[in-house]
C-alpha cells in the first residue's frame, strides 16, 4: 500500500477522536527515539531555544539516569537524561527529558503515550503510520519535521593510494570479506578496520546506510572507538587502516570518494545538503498536533530558523542553511556531475542546453524533492527550503543575482512523458517561490538527463526526481 494512501487512512481515522495527552502532562516535555538525534543534537537545540525564547529562564544541568527497557524480548539497561527548568512563563515545562533509545522506539513511545516528540534518523515507515493513525497523518508538514542532515566520511591513511571505493566495496571491507588492500587497487597488505562504538550516532548512520541494506555485519575484530577524534588520529597513523567518522572529524586522514552506479561524490557539507553523497540522511522530529503545546510548537519553529540551524551546526550535524557552490569542494562536485551527465546522456541537445544555462552559475545546496507515492507533491524539507531560498536571496550580496531552476525525472516510463514531468516540477517550484516574493529567471526541464544517483527502477530510487536551484 502506498504511503500516500496510508496517510489518507490515518487522517480519516483521526476524525474519530484525538488524544489530549499533552494537556494532561503540562509539567514535562518528553523526547524519545534516535540516538543520532538525542545524544547531542536535540539537547543542543533545546538549550539554544530556551536561551533564545526564554532568556530569563533558569536551566539546570543535564541529569543522567538509567532505566530498564524491553529490547528485542530482553530487558536492557539504557541511559537517558533530563533538565529542570524554572520560569515564570506558564508555557515552559518544568522538566524536559530525552530518551535516545533508537529511531523505532520513537514511534512505539508515541503510540504508548510515553512521548510528546519522536526523534528519528529515518523517515516513518508505512506500518508506523498506521499504528499512529489516531494522531492523523504522521507525514503531514506540521507533524514531520526535517531538522538537520547527517553524513559520515570513510577515512584512510593519507598516503594510501586508494582514493575512491564503491559502496559495495566499503560494506565488504567493514564486514571483513575484503581483507587486503590489493583487492581494491591499493598496495598489498592487510586491512585493519576501525569503527565507532555501538552507542555512537555516527556508527548508527554508517550501519543503517552501508551495512544493513547489503545484509552485512561489522567484522568481529574491528577496533571500536568512543571518540571520533581518537579514531581519526589512529587511522592517520596506520597505513593499513580504514575508519568512519563524522564529517567534522576527518582531520589529517584522507577521506574517500564513494560511488554507486558510476556516480562518485566526496564527503562535504555541500554534497550532504544536496543529499547526493551516499552516506547522507535526514534527521527528523515527529510531533503530532494532538500532543502539541505552545512550547513544543515554538521549539519546532525555532529549529527551522537561522538561529536554530546555527545550533544544529554547533552540534556537529550538517545544517539546512543555503550555500552556493563557491567553495572548491562544491565546484569539484559540479564537475563530477557534468562528466556523468555527458557520459549518460540520451539527448545531447538537452544536456548542452543545461550546461550552457549553468555556465558561470553557482549551484545552491538546496535540491527540491518529492513525497513518495504523492505524485507531484514536494516533501516536507522542500516546504521549508522555499523559505530558506527566499531569505538567502534577500541578502545584499544576492539581490542582483538571477535564480535558475532545473527539473529532472528518473528513467521510469516514456522519455517524453518524463520530460513533461521534469518541466512540471520546475514550474511548480517556481510558483512556490513566487508566493515568497522570489522571481525566477528560468524554469527548465532536463528530462532524465544528468542523474545524481542510481537510476535502476528495481531499486525504487527517488533522488533523480528533483529540482536543482542555481544562481548567476
Protein backbone atom coordinates (compact mmCIF):
# COMPACT_ATOMS: atom_id res chain seq x y z
CA UNK A 1 0.00 0.00 0.00
CA UNK A 2 1.39 3.40 -0.94
CA UNK A 3 2.43 5.86 1.78
CA UNK A 4 0.02 8.49 0.49
CA UNK A 5 -2.93 6.09 0.77
CA UNK A 6 -1.91 5.22 4.32
CA UNK A 7 -1.72 8.90 5.20
CA UNK A 8 -5.27 9.45 3.94
CA UNK A 9 -6.48 6.49 6.02
CA UNK A 10 -4.69 7.92 9.05
CA UNK A 11 -6.26 11.33 8.56
CA UNK A 12 -9.71 9.78 8.23
CA UNK A 13 -9.33 7.73 11.40
CA UNK A 14 -8.19 10.85 13.26
CA UNK A 15 -11.63 12.39 12.82
CA UNK A 16 -12.99 9.83 15.27
CA UNK A 17 -11.08 11.45 18.10
CA UNK A 18 -7.59 12.67 19.04
CA UNK A 19 -5.60 12.17 22.23
CA UNK A 20 -5.13 15.13 24.56
CA UNK A 21 -2.13 13.78 26.43
CA UNK A 22 -0.09 16.99 26.29
CA UNK A 23 -2.77 18.87 28.27
CA UNK A 24 -2.64 16.13 30.95
CA UNK A 25 1.16 16.45 31.30
CA UNK A 26 1.92 20.21 31.26
CA UNK A 27 4.92 19.74 33.58
CA UNK A 28 7.14 17.78 31.17
CA UNK A 29 8.20 17.69 27.52
CA UNK A 30 9.29 14.18 26.56
CA UNK A 31 11.53 13.45 23.55
CA UNK A 32 12.06 9.82 22.66
CA UNK A 33 13.89 7.97 19.88
CA UNK A 34 17.04 8.20 17.78
CA UNK A 35 20.45 8.19 19.41
CA UNK A 36 21.80 10.18 16.46
CA UNK A 37 19.33 12.96 17.27
CA UNK A 38 19.04 12.53 21.02
CA UNK A 39 22.66 12.18 22.07
CA UNK A 40 23.79 15.71 21.17
CA UNK A 41 21.62 17.42 18.55
CA UNK A 42 18.31 17.55 20.44
CA UNK A 43 19.88 18.70 23.75
CA UNK A 44 21.82 21.42 21.92
CA UNK A 45 18.70 22.61 20.09
CA UNK A 46 16.65 22.64 23.29
CA UNK A 47 19.16 24.76 25.21
CA UNK A 48 19.59 27.16 22.29
CA UNK A 49 15.82 27.53 22.01
CA UNK A 50 15.29 28.26 25.72
CA UNK A 51 18.14 30.79 25.67
CA UNK A 52 16.65 32.45 22.58
CA UNK A 53 12.96 32.43 23.52
CA UNK A 54 13.03 32.48 27.33
CA UNK A 55 16.27 34.26 28.30
CA UNK A 56 15.22 34.72 31.96
CA UNK A 57 14.51 31.02 32.48
CA UNK A 58 16.86 29.14 34.80
CA UNK A 59 18.05 25.85 33.31
CA UNK A 60 19.74 23.19 35.40
CA UNK A 61 22.47 20.82 34.29
CA UNK A 62 21.57 17.67 32.42
CA UNK A 63 20.93 14.86 34.88
CA UNK A 64 21.82 11.36 33.71
CA UNK A 65 19.70 8.36 34.63
CA UNK A 66 19.21 4.74 33.64
CA UNK A 67 16.17 2.52 33.26
CA UNK A 68 15.34 -0.98 32.07
CA UNK A 69 13.53 -1.39 28.75
CA UNK A 70 12.40 -4.34 26.67
CA UNK A 71 14.86 -4.68 23.78
CA UNK A 72 14.00 -7.46 21.33
CA UNK A 73 12.40 -9.54 24.06
CA UNK A 74 15.18 -8.98 26.61
CA UNK A 75 15.45 -6.41 29.39
CA UNK A 76 18.26 -3.93 28.78
CA UNK A 77 19.59 -1.08 30.91
CA UNK A 78 19.70 2.17 28.94
CA UNK A 79 20.72 5.74 29.71
CA UNK A 80 18.52 8.82 29.47
CA UNK A 81 18.77 12.43 30.65
CA UNK A 82 16.65 15.36 31.74
CA UNK A 83 16.89 19.00 32.74
CA UNK A 84 14.82 21.03 35.18
CA UNK A 85 13.65 24.46 34.00
CA UNK A 86 12.43 27.30 36.23
CA UNK A 87 10.48 30.05 34.53
CA UNK A 88 7.64 32.47 35.26
CA UNK A 89 6.25 31.76 31.79
CA UNK A 90 3.42 29.19 32.08
CA UNK A 91 4.27 27.71 28.67
CA UNK A 92 7.67 26.45 29.82
CA UNK A 93 7.65 22.86 31.11
CA UNK A 94 9.28 22.17 34.46
CA UNK A 95 11.21 19.24 33.04
CA UNK A 96 12.47 18.21 29.60
CA UNK A 97 13.54 14.59 29.17
CA UNK A 98 15.42 12.95 26.29
CA UNK A 99 15.46 9.18 25.84
CA UNK A 100 17.78 8.30 22.89
CA UNK A 101 16.89 4.62 22.54
CA UNK A 102 16.72 4.30 18.73
CA UNK A 103 14.51 5.57 15.93
CA UNK A 104 11.96 2.76 16.03
CA UNK A 105 11.37 3.38 19.75
CA UNK A 106 10.12 6.90 18.99
CA UNK A 107 7.01 5.65 17.21
CA UNK A 108 6.35 2.95 19.80
CA UNK A 109 6.63 5.56 22.57
CA UNK A 110 4.21 7.89 20.77
CA UNK A 111 1.75 5.01 20.41
CA UNK A 112 2.05 4.15 24.15
CA UNK A 113 1.67 7.75 25.24
CA UNK A 114 5.22 7.95 26.60
CA UNK A 115 6.48 10.71 24.27
CA UNK A 116 5.45 14.13 23.01
CA UNK A 117 8.07 14.37 20.24
CA UNK A 118 9.60 11.42 18.42
CA UNK A 119 13.22 11.65 17.23
CA UNK A 120 14.20 9.61 14.18
CA UNK A 121 17.17 9.26 11.84
CA UNK A 122 14.95 7.75 9.15
CA UNK A 123 11.50 8.52 7.69
CA UNK A 124 8.49 6.94 9.36
CA UNK A 125 7.50 3.55 7.92
CA UNK A 126 4.10 2.65 6.47
CA UNK A 127 3.37 0.30 9.36
CA UNK A 128 4.15 3.08 11.83
CA UNK A 129 1.86 5.50 10.02
CA UNK A 130 -0.98 3.02 10.53
CA UNK A 131 -0.05 2.33 14.15
CA UNK A 132 -0.26 6.07 14.87
CA UNK A 133 -3.38 6.69 12.79
CA UNK A 134 -5.22 8.15 15.81
CA UNK A 135 -2.90 11.15 15.51
CA UNK A 136 -3.83 11.77 11.87
CA UNK A 137 -1.33 11.99 9.02
CA UNK A 138 2.12 11.47 10.53
CA UNK A 139 3.73 12.55 7.24
CA UNK A 140 1.97 15.94 7.15
CA UNK A 141 4.14 19.10 7.10
CA UNK A 142 3.01 20.11 10.60
CA UNK A 143 3.93 16.71 12.04
CA UNK A 144 7.07 15.53 10.20
CA UNK A 145 9.97 17.96 10.66
CA UNK A 146 13.34 17.62 8.92
CA UNK A 147 15.64 19.21 11.50
CA UNK A 148 19.16 18.62 10.10
CA UNK A 149 21.27 16.28 7.99
CA UNK A 150 23.88 13.68 8.82
CA UNK A 151 26.94 12.49 6.91
CA UNK A 152 29.77 10.04 7.56
CA UNK A 153 33.23 10.06 5.96
CA UNK A 154 35.20 6.89 5.21
CA UNK A 155 38.85 7.66 6.00
CA UNK A 156 42.28 6.16 5.26
CA UNK A 157 45.94 6.88 5.99
CA UNK A 158 46.89 9.98 3.93
CA UNK A 159 49.47 8.01 1.91
CA UNK A 160 47.15 5.17 0.97
CA UNK A 161 46.87 5.25 -2.87
CA UNK A 162 43.17 4.30 -2.81
CA UNK A 163 41.08 7.43 -3.44
CA UNK A 164 37.61 6.02 -4.10
CA UNK A 165 35.55 2.93 -3.33
CA UNK A 166 32.12 1.72 -4.29
CA UNK A 167 29.52 1.39 -1.55
CA UNK A 168 29.58 -2.38 -2.01
CA UNK A 169 33.36 -2.43 -1.51
CA UNK A 170 33.04 -0.37 1.67
CA UNK A 171 30.45 -2.79 3.05
CA UNK A 172 32.59 -5.81 2.19
CA UNK A 173 35.68 -4.26 3.81
CA UNK A 174 33.89 -3.45 7.06
CA UNK A 175 32.41 -6.96 7.06
CA UNK A 176 35.96 -8.37 6.59
CA UNK A 177 35.02 -10.01 3.30
CA UNK A 178 37.69 -7.90 1.57
CA UNK A 179 40.78 -8.15 3.77
CA UNK A 180 43.72 -6.96 1.62
CA UNK A 181 44.20 -3.53 0.03
CA UNK A 182 45.35 -5.12 -3.24
CA UNK A 183 41.74 -6.30 -3.77
CA UNK A 184 40.59 -2.68 -4.20
CA UNK A 185 43.56 -1.24 -6.09
CA UNK A 186 45.86 -0.49 -3.17
CA UNK A 187 49.27 -1.77 -2.18
CA UNK A 188 49.33 -5.38 -0.91
CA UNK A 189 48.75 -5.60 2.80
CA UNK A 190 46.09 -6.38 5.37
CA UNK A 191 43.18 -4.00 6.02
CA UNK A 192 42.63 -3.01 9.64
CA UNK A 193 39.05 -1.94 10.30
CA UNK A 194 38.26 0.86 12.77
CA UNK A 195 34.74 1.92 13.72
CA UNK A 196 32.79 3.92 16.29
CA UNK A 197 31.15 2.15 19.23
CA UNK A 198 27.56 0.89 19.23
CA UNK A 199 26.28 3.91 21.16
CA UNK A 200 27.50 6.33 18.50
CA UNK A 201 25.12 8.14 16.18
CA UNK A 202 27.89 8.17 13.59
CA UNK A 203 28.04 4.38 13.73
CA UNK A 204 24.24 4.18 13.61
CA UNK A 205 24.25 6.18 10.38
CA UNK A 206 27.02 4.09 8.80
CA UNK A 207 25.42 0.79 9.78
CA UNK A 208 21.99 1.90 8.53
CA UNK A 209 23.16 3.26 5.17
CA UNK A 210 26.10 0.96 4.30
CA UNK A 211 25.81 -2.41 6.08
CA UNK A 212 22.13 -3.14 6.69
CA UNK A 213 20.92 -2.66 3.08
CA UNK A 214 23.58 -5.16 1.94
CA UNK A 215 22.88 -7.59 4.82
CA UNK A 216 26.39 -7.21 6.22
CA UNK A 217 27.67 -7.07 9.80
CA UNK A 218 30.78 -5.43 11.17
CA UNK A 219 33.64 -7.92 11.47
CA UNK A 220 34.32 -9.13 14.99
CA UNK A 221 37.94 -7.92 15.19
CA UNK A 222 37.21 -4.29 14.26
CA UNK A 223 38.70 -1.81 16.72
CA UNK A 224 35.89 0.28 18.27
CA UNK A 225 36.10 3.88 19.47
CA UNK A 226 34.13 6.11 21.81
CA UNK A 227 35.66 9.20 20.19
CA UNK A 228 35.68 10.40 16.58
CA UNK A 229 38.89 12.31 17.25
CA UNK A 230 40.76 9.29 18.62
CA UNK A 231 39.71 7.09 15.71
CA UNK A 232 40.69 9.70 13.11
CA UNK A 233 44.13 10.12 14.70
CA UNK A 234 44.71 6.33 14.83
CA UNK A 235 43.76 5.97 11.14
CA UNK A 236 46.05 8.86 10.23
CA UNK A 237 48.95 6.99 11.82
CA UNK A 238 48.18 3.49 10.49
CA UNK A 239 48.92 2.87 6.79
CA UNK A 240 46.69 -0.24 6.81
CA UNK A 241 43.68 1.36 8.49
CA UNK A 242 40.19 2.27 7.33
CA UNK A 243 37.66 4.05 9.53
CA UNK A 244 34.43 6.01 9.56
CA UNK A 245 33.90 9.35 11.32
CA UNK A 246 31.61 12.35 11.25
CA UNK A 247 32.45 14.94 8.60
CA UNK A 248 33.87 17.33 11.18
CA UNK A 249 36.49 14.81 12.31
CA UNK A 250 38.42 13.88 9.16
CA UNK A 251 41.45 15.75 10.47
CA UNK A 252 44.75 14.65 8.95
CA UNK A 253 43.32 11.44 7.50
CA UNK A 254 42.24 11.09 3.86
CA UNK A 255 38.52 10.98 3.08
CA UNK A 256 37.39 8.73 0.23
CA UNK A 257 35.02 9.50 -2.58
CA UNK A 258 32.19 6.97 -2.63
CA UNK A 259 30.40 5.75 -5.73
CA UNK A 260 27.33 3.86 -6.84
CA UNK A 261 26.40 3.13 -10.44
CA UNK A 262 29.39 5.11 -11.69
CA UNK A 263 28.46 8.28 -9.78
CA UNK A 264 31.14 9.36 -7.28
CA UNK A 265 30.88 12.01 -4.57
CA UNK A 266 33.35 13.16 -1.96
CA UNK A 267 32.21 13.94 1.59
CA UNK A 268 31.45 17.61 2.19
CA UNK A 269 28.65 19.60 3.81
CA UNK A 270 27.59 20.67 0.30
CA UNK A 271 27.19 17.12 -1.05
CA UNK A 272 25.35 16.11 2.13
CA UNK A 273 23.00 19.10 1.79
CA UNK A 274 22.18 18.15 -1.80
CA UNK A 275 21.72 14.57 -0.46
CA UNK A 276 23.89 13.19 -3.25
CA UNK A 277 26.74 11.94 -1.05
CA UNK A 278 25.88 8.24 -0.48
CA UNK A 279 26.30 8.19 3.33
CA UNK A 280 23.94 11.06 4.00
CA UNK A 281 20.49 11.08 5.54
CA UNK A 282 17.86 13.34 7.01
CA UNK A 283 17.21 13.69 10.73
CA UNK A 284 13.61 14.06 11.86
CA UNK A 285 11.33 15.02 14.69
CA UNK A 286 7.71 13.83 14.66
CA UNK A 287 5.25 15.90 16.70
CA UNK A 288 1.54 15.00 16.42
CA UNK A 289 -0.70 18.07 16.70
CA UNK A 290 -2.72 16.39 19.46
CA UNK A 291 0.40 16.46 21.67
CA UNK A 292 1.40 19.99 20.74
CA UNK A 293 1.91 22.72 23.33
CA UNK A 294 2.85 26.38 22.78
CA UNK A 295 6.38 25.49 23.94
CA UNK A 296 6.85 22.50 21.63
CA UNK A 297 5.33 24.36 18.67
CA UNK A 298 7.69 27.30 19.17
CA UNK A 299 10.62 24.89 19.62
CA UNK A 300 9.99 23.18 16.27
CA UNK A 301 9.59 26.55 14.54
CA UNK A 302 12.87 27.71 16.09
CA UNK A 303 14.72 24.69 14.66
CA UNK A 304 13.85 25.85 11.13
CA UNK A 305 15.12 29.39 11.78
CA UNK A 306 18.62 30.65 11.07
CA UNK A 307 19.36 30.58 14.81
CA UNK A 308 18.10 27.01 15.10
CA UNK A 309 20.19 25.80 12.18
CA UNK A 310 23.25 27.54 13.65
CA UNK A 311 22.65 25.44 16.78
CA UNK A 312 22.38 22.29 14.64
CA UNK A 313 25.73 23.12 13.08
CA UNK A 314 27.21 23.69 16.55
CA UNK A 315 26.01 20.17 17.45
CA UNK A 316 28.18 18.85 14.57
CA UNK A 317 25.22 17.96 12.35
CA UNK A 318 25.02 19.26 8.78
CA UNK A 319 22.68 22.25 8.88
CA UNK A 320 19.98 23.05 6.34
CA UNK A 321 21.08 26.61 5.61
CA UNK A 322 21.54 27.55 1.96
CA UNK A 323 25.02 27.86 0.49
CA UNK A 324 26.21 28.30 -3.06
CA UNK A 325 28.95 26.34 -4.78
CA UNK A 326 31.65 28.95 -4.33
CA UNK A 327 33.87 26.53 -2.43
CA UNK A 328 36.42 24.32 -4.16
CA UNK A 329 34.63 21.23 -2.85
CA UNK A 330 31.34 22.26 -4.38
CA UNK A 331 32.93 23.14 -7.73
CA UNK A 332 34.54 19.69 -7.82
CA UNK A 333 31.10 18.28 -7.08
CA UNK A 334 29.60 20.10 -10.08
CA UNK A 335 32.45 18.96 -12.34
CA UNK A 336 31.81 15.32 -11.42
CA UNK A 337 28.12 15.74 -12.17
CA UNK A 338 28.90 17.37 -15.51
CA UNK A 339 31.11 14.45 -16.57
CA UNK A 340 28.44 11.93 -15.63
CA UNK A 341 25.76 13.94 -17.40
CA UNK A 342 27.76 13.80 -20.61
CA UNK A 343 28.54 10.08 -20.33
CA UNK A 344 24.94 9.03 -19.65
CA UNK A 345 23.22 11.48 -22.00
CA UNK A 346 20.27 10.25 -24.04
CA UNK A 347 19.62 13.58 -25.74
CA UNK A 348 22.80 15.60 -26.18
CA UNK A 349 20.98 18.79 -27.16
CA UNK A 350 19.17 18.88 -23.82
CA UNK A 351 22.40 18.23 -21.92
CA UNK A 352 24.08 21.02 -23.90
CA UNK A 353 21.26 23.45 -23.07
CA UNK A 354 21.57 22.57 -19.37
CA UNK A 355 25.35 23.06 -19.40
CA UNK A 356 25.10 26.35 -21.27
CA UNK A 357 22.44 27.69 -18.90
CA UNK A 358 24.55 26.86 -15.84
CA UNK A 359 27.83 28.13 -17.29
CA UNK A 360 29.21 30.68 -14.83
CA UNK A 361 26.40 29.98 -12.38
CA UNK A 362 26.68 28.53 -8.87
CA UNK A 363 24.52 25.64 -7.75
CA UNK A 364 22.71 26.08 -4.46
CA UNK A 365 22.86 23.38 -1.81
CA UNK A 366 19.05 23.14 -1.86
CA UNK A 367 17.65 20.35 -4.03
CA UNK A 368 13.85 20.03 -4.03
CA UNK A 369 12.46 16.50 -3.86
CA UNK A 370 9.05 14.88 -3.68
CA UNK A 371 6.96 12.79 -1.31
CA UNK A 372 6.91 9.07 -2.04
CA UNK A 373 3.62 7.98 -3.59
CA UNK A 374 2.31 11.56 -3.61
CA UNK A 375 2.55 12.43 -7.31
CA UNK A 376 3.91 15.95 -7.74
CA UNK A 377 3.74 16.94 -4.08
CA UNK A 378 7.03 18.26 -2.66
CA UNK A 379 8.32 16.72 0.56
CA UNK A 380 8.47 18.46 3.93
CA UNK A 381 12.08 19.58 3.64
CA UNK A 382 11.25 21.34 0.37
CA UNK A 383 8.48 23.39 2.00
CA UNK A 384 10.98 25.00 4.38
CA UNK A 385 13.71 25.19 1.74
CA UNK A 386 11.49 27.53 -0.30
CA UNK A 387 11.54 29.97 2.62
CA UNK A 388 15.28 29.49 3.10
CA UNK A 389 16.00 30.38 -0.52
CA UNK A 390 13.83 33.49 -0.19
CA UNK A 391 15.88 34.60 2.84
CA UNK A 392 19.14 33.76 1.05
CA UNK A 393 18.22 35.85 -1.98
CA UNK A 394 17.36 38.81 0.26
CA UNK A 395 20.97 39.01 1.43
CA UNK A 396 22.60 42.16 -0.01
CA UNK A 397 25.20 40.17 -1.96
CA UNK A 398 22.49 38.12 -3.73
CA UNK A 399 19.79 40.66 -4.53
CA UNK A 400 21.05 41.32 -8.09
CA UNK A 401 21.55 37.64 -8.97
CA UNK A 402 19.20 35.52 -11.08
CA UNK A 403 17.63 32.28 -9.85
CA UNK A 404 17.53 29.31 -12.25
CA UNK A 405 15.51 26.13 -11.69
CA UNK A 406 16.06 22.81 -13.47
CA UNK A 407 13.63 19.92 -13.16
CA UNK A 408 14.60 16.25 -13.58
CA UNK A 409 12.92 12.84 -13.74
CA UNK A 410 14.11 9.27 -13.37
CA UNK A 411 14.08 6.84 -16.30
CA UNK A 412 10.88 5.01 -15.34
CA UNK A 413 8.30 5.48 -18.12
CA UNK A 414 8.46 7.03 -21.57
CA UNK A 415 11.18 9.59 -22.20
CA UNK A 416 8.90 12.39 -23.45
CA UNK A 417 6.48 11.80 -20.59
CA UNK A 418 9.36 12.25 -18.18
CA UNK A 419 10.39 15.42 -20.00
CA UNK A 420 6.94 16.89 -19.34
CA UNK A 421 7.12 15.77 -15.72
CA UNK A 422 10.55 17.40 -15.28
CA UNK A 423 9.21 20.67 -16.69
CA UNK A 424 6.14 20.49 -14.43
CA UNK A 425 8.41 20.08 -11.40
CA UNK A 426 10.49 23.13 -12.32
CA UNK A 427 7.33 25.18 -12.86
CA UNK A 428 5.80 24.09 -9.55
CA UNK A 429 8.85 25.15 -7.54
CA UNK A 430 8.88 28.48 -9.40
CA UNK A 431 5.27 29.04 -8.33
CA UNK A 432 6.05 28.26 -4.68
CA UNK A 433 8.97 30.69 -4.75
CA UNK A 434 6.89 33.40 -6.36
CA UNK A 435 4.49 33.20 -3.39
CA UNK A 436 7.53 34.10 -1.24
CA UNK A 437 8.28 37.07 -3.49
CA UNK A 438 11.11 35.39 -5.42
CA UNK A 439 11.29 36.00 -9.18
CA UNK A 440 12.61 33.00 -11.13
CA UNK A 441 14.62 33.89 -14.24
CA UNK A 442 14.42 30.39 -15.78
CA UNK A 443 12.45 27.21 -15.03
CA UNK A 444 13.58 24.45 -17.40
CA UNK A 445 13.00 20.70 -17.56
CA UNK A 446 16.02 18.47 -18.31
CA UNK A 447 14.12 15.18 -18.66
CA UNK A 448 16.04 12.09 -17.49
CA UNK A 449 19.45 13.61 -18.15
CA UNK A 450 22.21 14.22 -15.57
CA UNK A 451 21.24 11.60 -12.95
CA UNK A 452 22.74 12.09 -9.49
CA UNK A 453 22.14 8.55 -8.21
CA UNK A 454 21.49 5.03 -9.47
CA UNK A 455 18.63 5.16 -11.95
CA UNK A 456 17.72 1.49 -11.70
CA UNK A 457 13.92 1.15 -11.44
CA UNK A 458 14.31 -2.07 -9.45
CA UNK A 459 15.89 -0.06 -6.62
CA UNK A 460 12.98 2.36 -6.40
CA UNK A 461 15.38 5.29 -6.28
CA UNK A 462 13.82 8.75 -5.96
CA UNK A 463 16.88 11.03 -5.82
CA UNK A 464 16.74 11.73 -9.55
CA UNK A 465 13.19 13.13 -9.23
CA UNK A 466 14.31 16.59 -8.27
CA UNK A 467 14.59 20.31 -8.97
CA UNK A 468 18.00 21.96 -8.73
CA UNK A 469 18.44 25.66 -7.89
CA UNK A 470 21.25 27.77 -9.39
CA UNK A 471 22.33 31.42 -9.16
CA UNK A 472 24.09 33.54 -11.73
